[in-house]
Amino acid sequence: MPPEDVKGGHRVLVVDDVPAVRAFLQLALAEQGYEVALAGDGRAGLQLAREFRPHLILLDWMMPRMNGAQVLRVLRRDPQLRQVPVVLMTGSVGVDELVSEFGVRWVLEKPFGIADLLMALEDALAAAPAAEPPATRRGTPAMSPKPDAKVAPKPDVVPRAACP
């Protein structure tokens, strides 16, 4: 879908191999006004990133087929995707050195709650290079996540089972 067709919030691509994590994030983000696309592994995530043109990518670090580091390498070489902010999700520790190599500034350690998720997304989107706001292309007001909105999916944290 071309970016011009989006009316409303930012587009967020979630790349995670755990279906429960994808479902949780889709529900939590959609309730906040984000348009969400889901991918179950790194390869599918890269293909979808090129089609969906996200404003932000939520990327799991440990995945089969293509892990977070491999996805980041490809993203940073792609002229259309290199400036897209990435929020890394991980149940692992010690990724700081690798993360700095790719310029990732936001890391969510699993399990994490909705408040931490929304704070990381808002910070990453605010710090993104001067990209045109998603809804201004057709003169509609840009929509950001509703700050006072209540999101109450159960459970309210990324499942512990999703933490390797």
N, C-alpha and C. Protein backbone atom coordinates (compact mmCIF):
# COMPACT_ATOMS: atom_id res chain seq x y z
N MET A 1 0.84 -1.17 0.00
CA MET A 1 0.00 0.00 0.00
C MET A 1 0.89 1.23 0.00
N PRO A 2 0.69 2.14 -0.93
CA PRO A 2 1.50 3.36 -0.96
C PRO A 2 1.22 4.22 0.27
N PRO A 3 2.25 4.93 0.77
CA PRO A 3 2.05 5.74 1.96
C PRO A 3 0.96 6.79 1.79
N GLU A 4 0.70 7.27 0.59
CA GLU A 4 -0.29 8.30 0.38
C GLU A 4 -1.69 7.82 0.75
N ASP A 5 -1.92 6.52 0.76
CA ASP A 5 -3.25 5.99 1.02
C ASP A 5 -3.57 5.89 2.50
N VAL A 6 -2.61 6.11 3.35
CA VAL A 6 -2.84 5.97 4.78
C VAL A 6 -3.55 7.21 5.29
N LYS A 7 -4.63 6.99 6.02
CA LYS A 7 -5.32 8.08 6.69
C LYS A 7 -5.23 7.78 8.17
N GLY A 8 -4.63 8.65 8.92
CA GLY A 8 -4.58 8.43 10.36
C GLY A 8 -3.18 8.23 10.85
N GLY A 9 -2.99 7.20 11.68
CA GLY A 9 -1.76 7.02 12.44
C GLY A 9 -0.57 6.50 11.67
N HIS A 10 0.49 6.35 12.40
CA HIS A 10 1.74 5.84 11.84
C HIS A 10 1.61 4.35 11.52
N ARG A 11 2.39 3.92 10.55
CA ARG A 11 2.45 2.50 10.18
C ARG A 11 3.59 1.85 10.95
N VAL A 12 3.27 0.75 11.64
CA VAL A 12 4.26 0.01 12.41
C VAL A 12 4.30 -1.42 11.90
N LEU A 13 5.50 -1.88 11.59
CA LEU A 13 5.71 -3.27 11.19
C LEU A 13 6.25 -4.04 12.38
N VAL A 14 5.57 -5.12 12.76
CA VAL A 14 6.00 -6.00 13.85
C VAL A 14 6.59 -7.25 13.22
N VAL A 15 7.85 -7.55 13.56
CA VAL A 15 8.52 -8.74 13.05
C VAL A 15 8.92 -9.59 14.26
N ASP A 16 8.20 -10.69 14.47
CA ASP A 16 8.45 -11.58 15.60
C ASP A 16 7.96 -12.96 15.23
N ASP A 17 8.71 -13.98 15.63
CA ASP A 17 8.35 -15.34 15.27
C ASP A 17 7.32 -15.98 16.19
N VAL A 18 6.94 -15.32 17.29
CA VAL A 18 5.99 -15.89 18.25
C VAL A 18 4.60 -15.31 17.98
N PRO A 19 3.65 -16.17 17.57
CA PRO A 19 2.31 -15.68 17.24
C PRO A 19 1.64 -14.90 18.38
N ALA A 20 1.82 -15.34 19.63
CA ALA A 20 1.20 -14.64 20.76
C ALA A 20 1.74 -13.22 20.90
N VAL A 21 3.01 -13.03 20.64
CA VAL A 21 3.61 -11.69 20.71
C VAL A 21 3.05 -10.81 19.60
N ARG A 22 2.97 -11.36 18.39
CA ARG A 22 2.41 -10.59 17.27
C ARG A 22 0.97 -10.18 17.56
N ALA A 23 0.17 -11.11 18.07
CA ALA A 23 -1.23 -10.81 18.37
C ALA A 23 -1.36 -9.74 19.45
N PHE A 24 -0.55 -9.86 20.50
CA PHE A 24 -0.56 -8.87 21.58
C PHE A 24 -0.21 -7.49 21.05
N LEU A 25 0.87 -7.41 20.27
CA LEU A 25 1.32 -6.11 19.76
C LEU A 25 0.32 -5.52 18.77
N GLN A 26 -0.27 -6.36 17.93
CA GLN A 26 -1.26 -5.86 16.98
C GLN A 26 -2.44 -5.24 17.72
N LEU A 27 -2.95 -5.92 18.72
CA LEU A 27 -4.08 -5.41 19.48
C LEU A 27 -3.72 -4.12 20.21
N ALA A 28 -2.60 -4.13 20.92
CA ALA A 28 -2.19 -2.96 21.71
C ALA A 28 -1.95 -1.75 20.82
N LEU A 29 -1.29 -1.94 19.70
CA LEU A 29 -0.96 -0.81 18.82
C LEU A 29 -2.18 -0.31 18.04
N ALA A 30 -3.01 -1.23 17.57
CA ALA A 30 -4.21 -0.82 16.83
C ALA A 30 -5.14 -0.01 17.73
N GLU A 31 -5.25 -0.38 18.99
CA GLU A 31 -6.09 0.37 19.92
C GLU A 31 -5.56 1.77 20.18
N GLN A 32 -4.30 1.99 19.89
CA GLN A 32 -3.69 3.32 20.06
C GLN A 32 -3.71 4.14 18.78
N GLY A 33 -4.25 3.58 17.71
CA GLY A 33 -4.36 4.32 16.46
C GLY A 33 -3.27 4.04 15.45
N TYR A 34 -2.39 3.08 15.74
CA TYR A 34 -1.35 2.73 14.78
C TYR A 34 -1.92 1.77 13.75
N GLU A 35 -1.42 1.86 12.52
CA GLU A 35 -1.72 0.86 11.49
C GLU A 35 -0.62 -0.18 11.59
N VAL A 36 -0.99 -1.45 11.76
CA VAL A 36 -0.01 -2.49 12.07
C VAL A 36 0.02 -3.56 10.98
N ALA A 37 1.24 -3.96 10.60
CA ALA A 37 1.45 -5.10 9.72
C ALA A 37 2.31 -6.09 10.49
N LEU A 38 2.11 -7.38 10.24
CA LEU A 38 2.79 -8.43 10.98
C LEU A 38 3.60 -9.34 10.06
N ALA A 39 4.78 -9.73 10.54
CA ALA A 39 5.61 -10.70 9.83
C ALA A 39 6.14 -11.70 10.85
N GLY A 40 6.19 -12.97 10.47
CA GLY A 40 6.59 -14.03 11.38
C GLY A 40 8.07 -14.37 11.36
N ASP A 41 8.84 -13.77 10.46
CA ASP A 41 10.28 -13.98 10.45
C ASP A 41 10.95 -12.83 9.71
N GLY A 42 12.26 -12.80 9.74
CA GLY A 42 13.01 -11.70 9.16
C GLY A 42 12.83 -11.55 7.66
N ARG A 43 12.81 -12.64 6.94
CA ARG A 43 12.65 -12.56 5.48
C ARG A 43 11.30 -11.97 5.10
N ALA A 44 10.27 -12.48 5.75
CA ALA A 44 8.93 -11.94 5.49
C ALA A 44 8.85 -10.48 5.93
N GLY A 45 9.54 -10.14 7.01
CA GLY A 45 9.56 -8.77 7.49
C GLY A 45 10.18 -7.81 6.50
N LEU A 46 11.28 -8.22 5.89
CA LEU A 46 11.93 -7.35 4.89
C LEU A 46 11.04 -7.15 3.67
N GLN A 47 10.42 -8.21 3.21
CA GLN A 47 9.53 -8.09 2.05
C GLN A 47 8.36 -7.16 2.39
N LEU A 48 7.78 -7.35 3.56
CA LEU A 48 6.65 -6.53 3.96
C LEU A 48 7.07 -5.07 4.19
N ALA A 49 8.28 -4.86 4.69
CA ALA A 49 8.77 -3.49 4.91
C ALA A 49 8.82 -2.74 3.58
N ARG A 50 9.21 -3.41 2.53
CA ARG A 50 9.29 -2.76 1.22
C ARG A 50 7.91 -2.43 0.67
N GLU A 51 6.92 -3.26 1.00
CA GLU A 51 5.56 -3.05 0.50
C GLU A 51 4.77 -2.09 1.39
N PHE A 52 4.87 -2.25 2.69
CA PHE A 52 4.07 -1.53 3.68
C PHE A 52 4.62 -0.14 3.98
N ARG A 53 5.94 0.03 3.77
CA ARG A 53 6.62 1.30 4.01
C ARG A 53 6.35 1.83 5.42
N PRO A 54 6.77 1.11 6.45
CA PRO A 54 6.45 1.51 7.82
C PRO A 54 7.18 2.77 8.25
N HIS A 55 6.60 3.44 9.24
CA HIS A 55 7.26 4.57 9.88
C HIS A 55 8.18 4.08 10.99
N LEU A 56 7.95 2.84 11.45
CA LEU A 56 8.73 2.25 12.54
C LEU A 56 8.64 0.74 12.43
N ILE A 57 9.73 0.06 12.83
CA ILE A 57 9.75 -1.40 12.84
C ILE A 57 10.03 -1.88 14.25
N LEU A 58 9.17 -2.77 14.75
CA LEU A 58 9.40 -3.48 16.01
C LEU A 58 10.00 -4.82 15.61
N LEU A 59 11.24 -5.07 16.00
CA LEU A 59 11.99 -6.22 15.49
C LEU A 59 12.48 -7.11 16.61
N ASP A 60 12.11 -8.39 16.55
CA ASP A 60 12.62 -9.38 17.50
C ASP A 60 14.07 -9.69 17.15
N TRP A 61 14.88 -9.93 18.16
CA TRP A 61 16.31 -10.20 17.96
C TRP A 61 16.55 -11.65 17.58
N MET A 62 15.89 -12.59 18.26
CA MET A 62 16.11 -14.02 18.03
C MET A 62 14.95 -14.60 17.23
N MET A 63 15.22 -14.94 15.96
CA MET A 63 14.21 -15.53 15.10
C MET A 63 14.86 -16.56 14.19
N PRO A 64 14.07 -17.54 13.74
CA PRO A 64 14.61 -18.49 12.76
C PRO A 64 14.67 -17.85 11.38
N ARG A 65 15.36 -18.50 10.47
CA ARG A 65 15.52 -18.09 9.06
C ARG A 65 16.37 -16.85 8.90
N MET A 66 16.06 -15.79 9.63
CA MET A 66 16.81 -14.54 9.51
C MET A 66 16.63 -13.79 10.83
N ASN A 67 17.70 -13.66 11.61
CA ASN A 67 17.57 -13.03 12.92
C ASN A 67 17.60 -11.51 12.82
N GLY A 68 17.44 -10.85 13.98
CA GLY A 68 17.38 -9.40 14.01
C GLY A 68 18.62 -8.73 13.44
N ALA A 69 19.80 -9.27 13.74
CA ALA A 69 21.05 -8.69 13.22
C ALA A 69 21.08 -8.74 11.69
N GLN A 70 20.66 -9.87 11.13
CA GLN A 70 20.64 -10.00 9.67
C GLN A 70 19.64 -9.04 9.04
N VAL A 71 18.48 -8.90 9.66
CA VAL A 71 17.47 -7.97 9.15
C VAL A 71 18.01 -6.54 9.20
N LEU A 72 18.65 -6.17 10.31
CA LEU A 72 19.19 -4.82 10.45
C LEU A 72 20.25 -4.52 9.39
N ARG A 73 21.09 -5.51 9.09
CA ARG A 73 22.11 -5.30 8.04
C ARG A 73 21.47 -4.94 6.71
N VAL A 74 20.42 -5.67 6.36
CA VAL A 74 19.73 -5.41 5.09
C VAL A 74 19.01 -4.06 5.13
N LEU A 75 18.33 -3.78 6.24
CA LEU A 75 17.62 -2.50 6.36
C LEU A 75 18.56 -1.32 6.19
N ARG A 76 19.73 -1.38 6.80
CA ARG A 76 20.65 -0.25 6.79
C ARG A 76 21.31 -0.04 5.43
N ARG A 77 21.25 -1.06 4.55
CA ARG A 77 21.79 -0.92 3.19
C ARG A 77 20.73 -0.50 2.18
N ASP A 78 19.47 -0.56 2.58
CA ASP A 78 18.37 -0.26 1.66
C ASP A 78 18.07 1.25 1.70
N PRO A 79 18.23 1.95 0.57
CA PRO A 79 18.01 3.40 0.56
C PRO A 79 16.62 3.83 1.01
N GLN A 80 15.61 2.99 0.76
CA GLN A 80 14.24 3.35 1.14
C GLN A 80 13.93 3.03 2.60
N LEU A 81 14.73 2.17 3.23
CA LEU A 81 14.41 1.72 4.59
C LEU A 81 15.45 2.10 5.63
N ARG A 82 16.60 2.58 5.20
CA ARG A 82 17.69 2.80 6.15
C ARG A 82 17.37 3.81 7.24
N GLN A 83 16.48 4.75 6.99
CA GLN A 83 16.14 5.77 7.98
C GLN A 83 14.97 5.39 8.87
N VAL A 84 14.35 4.24 8.62
CA VAL A 84 13.21 3.82 9.43
C VAL A 84 13.72 3.44 10.82
N PRO A 85 13.17 4.06 11.88
CA PRO A 85 13.62 3.69 13.22
C PRO A 85 13.21 2.26 13.55
N VAL A 86 14.09 1.58 14.28
CA VAL A 86 13.85 0.20 14.69
C VAL A 86 13.87 0.14 16.21
N VAL A 87 12.84 -0.47 16.78
CA VAL A 87 12.81 -0.77 18.21
C VAL A 87 13.04 -2.27 18.31
N LEU A 88 14.12 -2.63 18.95
CA LEU A 88 14.52 -4.03 19.08
C LEU A 88 13.84 -4.65 20.29
N MET A 89 13.29 -5.84 20.12
CA MET A 89 12.67 -6.59 21.23
C MET A 89 13.53 -7.82 21.48
N THR A 90 13.90 -8.04 22.72
CA THR A 90 14.76 -9.18 23.01
C THR A 90 14.54 -9.73 24.41
N GLY A 91 14.70 -11.02 24.53
CA GLY A 91 14.72 -11.67 25.83
C GLY A 91 16.15 -11.99 26.22
N SER A 92 17.09 -11.64 25.35
CA SER A 92 18.51 -11.90 25.58
C SER A 92 19.15 -10.70 26.24
N VAL A 93 20.27 -10.95 26.87
CA VAL A 93 21.07 -9.86 27.42
C VAL A 93 22.37 -9.80 26.65
N GLY A 94 23.06 -8.68 26.74
CA GLY A 94 24.36 -8.57 26.09
C GLY A 94 24.31 -8.23 24.62
N VAL A 95 23.23 -7.63 24.16
CA VAL A 95 23.16 -7.27 22.75
C VAL A 95 23.62 -5.84 22.51
N ASP A 96 24.05 -5.15 23.56
CA ASP A 96 24.41 -3.73 23.43
C ASP A 96 25.46 -3.47 22.35
N GLU A 97 26.51 -4.28 22.29
CA GLU A 97 27.56 -4.06 21.30
C GLU A 97 27.02 -4.21 19.88
N LEU A 98 26.23 -5.24 19.66
CA LEU A 98 25.66 -5.45 18.33
C LEU A 98 24.65 -4.36 17.99
N VAL A 99 23.88 -3.95 18.98
CA VAL A 99 22.88 -2.93 18.75
C VAL A 99 23.53 -1.63 18.32
N SER A 100 24.62 -1.24 18.98
CA SER A 100 25.28 0.02 18.63
C SER A 100 25.85 -0.03 17.21
N GLU A 101 26.23 -1.22 16.76
CA GLU A 101 26.76 -1.38 15.40
C GLU A 101 25.74 -0.96 14.34
N PHE A 102 24.46 -1.14 14.64
CA PHE A 102 23.40 -0.87 13.66
C PHE A 102 22.66 0.44 13.92
N GLY A 103 23.04 1.16 14.94
CA GLY A 103 22.40 2.43 15.23
C GLY A 103 21.02 2.30 15.84
N VAL A 104 20.73 1.19 16.47
CA VAL A 104 19.45 1.02 17.15
C VAL A 104 19.56 1.69 18.51
N ARG A 105 18.62 2.59 18.78
CA ARG A 105 18.66 3.32 20.05
C ARG A 105 17.61 2.84 21.04
N TRP A 106 16.71 1.99 20.61
CA TRP A 106 15.61 1.58 21.48
C TRP A 106 15.58 0.06 21.58
N VAL A 107 15.64 -0.43 22.81
CA VAL A 107 15.60 -1.87 23.07
C VAL A 107 14.55 -2.12 24.14
N LEU A 108 13.63 -3.02 23.86
CA LEU A 108 12.65 -3.46 24.84
C LEU A 108 13.02 -4.86 25.27
N GLU A 109 13.24 -5.03 26.57
CA GLU A 109 13.57 -6.35 27.08
C GLU A 109 12.29 -7.08 27.44
N LYS A 110 12.13 -8.28 26.87
CA LYS A 110 10.96 -9.11 27.15
C LYS A 110 11.11 -9.73 28.54
N PRO A 111 10.05 -9.80 29.30
CA PRO A 111 8.72 -9.28 29.01
C PRO A 111 8.66 -7.77 29.25
N PHE A 112 7.86 -7.08 28.46
CA PHE A 112 7.67 -5.64 28.64
C PHE A 112 6.18 -5.33 28.61
N GLY A 113 5.82 -4.22 29.22
CA GLY A 113 4.42 -3.82 29.30
C GLY A 113 4.06 -2.80 28.25
N ILE A 114 2.78 -2.49 28.19
CA ILE A 114 2.27 -1.55 27.20
C ILE A 114 2.88 -0.17 27.39
N ALA A 115 3.01 0.27 28.63
CA ALA A 115 3.56 1.62 28.87
C ALA A 115 4.96 1.74 28.30
N ASP A 116 5.81 0.73 28.53
CA ASP A 116 7.17 0.76 27.98
C ASP A 116 7.16 0.72 26.46
N LEU A 117 6.28 -0.09 25.91
CA LEU A 117 6.15 -0.20 24.45
C LEU A 117 5.78 1.15 23.84
N LEU A 118 4.74 1.78 24.37
CA LEU A 118 4.29 3.05 23.81
C LEU A 118 5.32 4.15 23.99
N MET A 119 6.02 4.14 25.12
CA MET A 119 7.05 5.14 25.34
C MET A 119 8.18 4.99 24.31
N ALA A 120 8.59 3.75 24.06
CA ALA A 120 9.66 3.51 23.08
C ALA A 120 9.22 3.92 21.68
N LEU A 121 7.99 3.58 21.30
CA LEU A 121 7.49 3.94 19.97
C LEU A 121 7.40 5.45 19.80
N GLU A 122 6.83 6.13 20.78
CA GLU A 122 6.70 7.58 20.69
C GLU A 122 8.06 8.25 20.61
N ASP A 123 9.02 7.77 21.41
CA ASP A 123 10.37 8.34 21.40
C ASP A 123 11.04 8.10 20.05
N ALA A 124 10.93 6.87 19.55
CA ALA A 124 11.56 6.53 18.27
C ALA A 124 10.96 7.33 17.12
N LEU A 125 9.65 7.47 17.10
CA LEU A 125 9.00 8.24 16.04
C LEU A 125 9.36 9.72 16.12
N ALA A 126 9.46 10.24 17.33
CA ALA A 126 9.81 11.65 17.51
C ALA A 126 11.25 11.92 17.07
N ALA A 127 12.13 10.93 17.26
CA ALA A 127 13.54 11.10 16.93
C ALA A 127 13.87 10.73 15.49
N ALA A 128 12.88 10.21 14.76
CA ALA A 128 13.12 9.78 13.38
C ALA A 128 13.53 10.98 12.53
N PRO A 129 14.36 10.73 11.51
CA PRO A 129 14.75 11.82 10.59
C PRO A 129 13.51 12.51 10.03
N ALA A 130 13.66 13.70 9.61
CA ALA A 130 12.54 14.53 9.17
C ALA A 130 11.74 13.86 8.06
N ALA A 131 10.93 12.92 8.44
CA ALA A 131 10.04 12.28 7.48
C ALA A 131 8.71 13.01 7.54
N GLU A 132 8.03 13.02 6.43
CA GLU A 132 6.73 13.68 6.38
C GLU A 132 5.77 12.93 7.28
N PRO A 133 5.00 13.62 8.14
CA PRO A 133 4.03 12.93 8.98
C PRO A 133 3.07 12.12 8.12
N PRO A 134 2.58 11.01 8.62
CA PRO A 134 1.83 10.08 7.80
C PRO A 134 0.55 10.63 7.20
N ALA A 135 -0.16 11.52 7.85
CA ALA A 135 -1.46 11.92 7.33
C ALA A 135 -1.45 13.29 6.67
N THR A 136 -0.34 13.95 6.59
CA THR A 136 -0.33 15.30 6.04
C THR A 136 -0.30 15.31 4.52
N ARG A 137 -0.09 14.19 3.90
CA ARG A 137 0.02 14.15 2.44
C ARG A 137 -1.27 14.57 1.75
N ARG A 138 -2.41 14.31 2.38
CA ARG A 138 -3.69 14.66 1.76
C ARG A 138 -4.41 15.75 2.54
N GLY A 139 -3.69 16.43 3.42
CA GLY A 139 -4.28 17.54 4.14
C GLY A 139 -5.05 17.15 5.38
N THR A 140 -5.07 15.87 5.74
CA THR A 140 -5.76 15.48 6.96
C THR A 140 -4.82 15.64 8.14
N PRO A 141 -5.34 15.90 9.33
CA PRO A 141 -4.44 16.08 10.47
C PRO A 141 -3.71 14.78 10.80
N ALA A 142 -2.46 14.91 11.15
CA ALA A 142 -1.69 13.74 11.54
C ALA A 142 -2.24 13.21 12.85
N MET A 143 -2.26 11.90 12.98
CA MET A 143 -2.78 11.30 14.20
C MET A 143 -1.65 10.60 14.91
N SER A 144 -1.50 10.88 16.18
CA SER A 144 -0.51 10.17 16.97
C SER A 144 -1.27 9.32 17.97
N PRO A 145 -0.57 8.39 18.63
CA PRO A 145 -1.27 7.57 19.60
C PRO A 145 -1.94 8.44 20.65
N LYS A 146 -3.14 8.04 21.06
CA LYS A 146 -3.87 8.81 22.05
C LYS A 146 -3.20 8.66 23.41
N PRO A 147 -2.70 9.76 24.01
CA PRO A 147 -1.93 9.64 25.24
C PRO A 147 -2.75 9.12 26.41
N ASP A 148 -4.05 9.40 26.46
CA ASP A 148 -4.85 8.98 27.60
C ASP A 148 -5.66 7.73 27.32
N ALA A 149 -5.46 7.14 26.16
CA ALA A 149 -6.24 5.96 25.81
C ALA A 149 -5.88 4.80 26.73
N LYS A 150 -6.88 4.03 27.04
CA LYS A 150 -6.66 2.88 27.90
C LYS A 150 -6.61 1.63 27.03
N VAL A 151 -5.55 0.87 27.17
CA VAL A 151 -5.40 -0.38 26.44
C VAL A 151 -5.38 -1.47 27.49
N ALA A 152 -6.28 -2.41 27.38
CA ALA A 152 -6.35 -3.42 28.42
C ALA A 152 -6.40 -4.83 27.87
N PRO A 153 -5.54 -5.17 26.90
CA PRO A 153 -5.53 -6.57 26.48
C PRO A 153 -4.98 -7.42 27.62
N LYS A 154 -5.38 -8.64 27.69
CA LYS A 154 -4.88 -9.54 28.72
C LYS A 154 -3.98 -10.56 28.07
N PRO A 155 -2.81 -10.82 28.54
CA PRO A 155 -2.12 -10.10 29.61
C PRO A 155 -1.58 -8.78 29.10
N ASP A 156 -1.13 -7.92 30.03
CA ASP A 156 -0.66 -6.60 29.62
C ASP A 156 0.84 -6.53 29.45
N VAL A 157 1.47 -7.68 29.30
CA VAL A 157 2.90 -7.72 28.99
C VAL A 157 3.12 -8.76 27.92
N VAL A 158 4.24 -8.61 27.21
CA VAL A 158 4.61 -9.63 26.24
C VAL A 158 4.79 -10.93 27.01
N PRO A 159 4.22 -12.01 26.53
CA PRO A 159 4.28 -13.27 27.27
C PRO A 159 5.71 -13.71 27.59
N ARG A 160 5.90 -14.21 28.81
CA ARG A 160 7.21 -14.69 29.24
C ARG A 160 7.66 -15.84 28.35
N ALA A 161 6.74 -16.63 27.84
CA ALA A 161 7.10 -17.75 26.96
C ALA A 161 7.81 -17.27 25.70
N ALA A 162 7.65 -16.00 25.38
CA ALA A 162 8.28 -15.45 24.18
C ALA A 162 9.71 -15.02 24.44
N CYS A 163 10.19 -15.22 25.65
CA CYS A 163 11.53 -14.77 26.02
C CYS A 163 12.48 -15.95 26.03
N PRO A 164 13.34 -16.07 25.00
CA PRO A 164 14.26 -17.21 24.96
C PRO A 164 15.27 -17.15 26.08
